[in-house]
Protein backbone atom coordinates (compact mmCIF):
# COMPACT_ATOMS: atom_id res chain seq x y z
CA PRO A 1 14.02 2.86 5.39
CA GLY A 2 12.14 1.13 2.55
CA TRP A 3 8.77 2.52 3.65
CA ALA A 4 10.23 6.02 3.91
CA ARG A 5 11.64 5.75 0.37
CA LEU A 6 8.27 4.54 -0.93
CA CYS A 7 6.43 7.38 0.80
CA GLY A 8 8.93 9.91 -0.56
CA TRP A 9 8.52 8.52 -4.08
CA LEU A 10 4.72 8.60 -3.78
CA GLU A 11 4.86 12.23 -2.63
CA ASP A 12 7.33 13.30 -5.34
CA HIS A 13 6.20 11.20 -8.30
CA CYS A 14 2.47 10.80 -7.61
CA ARG A 15 1.86 13.94 -5.56
CA ALA A 16 0.37 11.77 -2.81
CA SER A 17 -0.50 13.54 0.42
CA GLY A 18 -1.00 12.36 3.98
CA MET A 19 1.76 9.75 3.88
CA GLU A 20 2.74 10.74 7.43
CA ASN A 21 -0.61 9.28 8.54
CA VAL A 22 0.10 5.70 7.43
CA PHE A 23 2.69 3.02 8.13
CA ALA A 24 3.53 -0.48 6.97
CA GLY A 25 4.30 -3.13 9.52
CA SER A 26 3.22 -6.11 11.53
CA PHE A 27 0.50 -5.74 14.12
CA SER A 28 -2.20 -7.70 15.90
CA HIS A 29 -5.66 -7.81 14.35
CA GLY A 30 -8.41 -10.04 15.64
CA GLY A 31 -5.93 -12.05 17.68
CA ALA A 32 -3.67 -12.81 14.71
CA SER A 33 -0.38 -11.23 13.69
CA VAL A 34 -0.78 -9.60 10.27
CA ARG A 35 1.31 -7.44 7.95
CA GLY A 36 -0.27 -4.49 6.26
CA VAL A 37 -0.89 -0.78 6.25
CA GLY A 38 -2.10 0.98 9.40
CA VAL A 39 -2.76 4.53 10.53
CA THR A 40 -0.54 6.48 12.90
CA LYS A 41 -3.35 7.85 15.09
CA ALA A 42 -7.06 7.49 15.72
CA PHE A 43 -9.15 9.01 12.96
CA ALA A 44 -12.79 10.00 13.16
CA ARG A 45 -15.22 9.24 10.39
CA HIS A 46 -14.68 11.58 7.40
CA ASP A 47 -11.20 12.66 8.59
CA PHE A 48 -8.58 12.99 5.85
CA VAL A 49 -6.08 10.13 6.04
CA MET A 50 -4.22 10.16 2.73
CA CYS A 51 -4.71 10.70 -0.99
CA LEU A 52 -3.04 8.64 -3.70
CA PRO A 53 -3.98 9.93 -7.17
CA LYS A 54 -5.43 7.32 -9.51
CA THR A 55 -2.44 7.63 -11.85
CA CYS A 56 -0.39 5.66 -9.29
CA TRP A 57 -2.92 2.95 -8.48
CA MET A 58 -1.80 -0.61 -9.23
CA THR A 59 -4.33 -2.26 -11.52
CA PRO A 60 -4.14 -5.69 -13.16
CA GLY A 61 -2.04 -5.59 -16.29
CA VAL A 62 0.25 -2.69 -15.35
CA GLU A 63 2.53 -4.63 -13.00
CA SER A 64 6.03 -5.71 -13.99
CA GLU A 65 6.85 -9.32 -14.82
CA ARG A 66 8.61 -9.62 -11.45
CA ILE A 67 5.49 -8.53 -9.55
CA ARG A 68 3.25 -10.68 -11.76
CA ASN A 69 5.37 -13.72 -10.80
CA PHE A 70 4.76 -12.99 -7.10
CA THR A 71 1.00 -12.62 -7.50
CA THR A 72 0.01 -15.33 -10.01
CA ASP A 73 0.31 -19.11 -10.15
CA GLU A 74 1.96 -21.10 -12.95
CA ALA A 75 -1.21 -20.87 -15.07
CA GLY A 76 -1.39 -17.09 -14.70
CA ALA A 77 -4.35 -17.06 -12.28
CA MET A 78 -4.26 -14.51 -9.45
CA LEU A 79 -3.19 -15.99 -6.11
CA PRO A 80 -5.68 -15.68 -3.23
């Protein structure tokens, strides 16, 4: 449900396209279990996957205090 809400917001607010081609979840990669974004089908080189306009990109300095607390240490340095 959370991913669907995010995709809907990206489509409505950011005019993102291709959100049906991506998912968030846990999957195996290189023998390890990882969380991240994957694609819903096999894509060939140069196939369209999705488009997220630059106006909705997260860049350092635009995040909320809550997000900043998740991504920086006590001194304010970015976590690895």
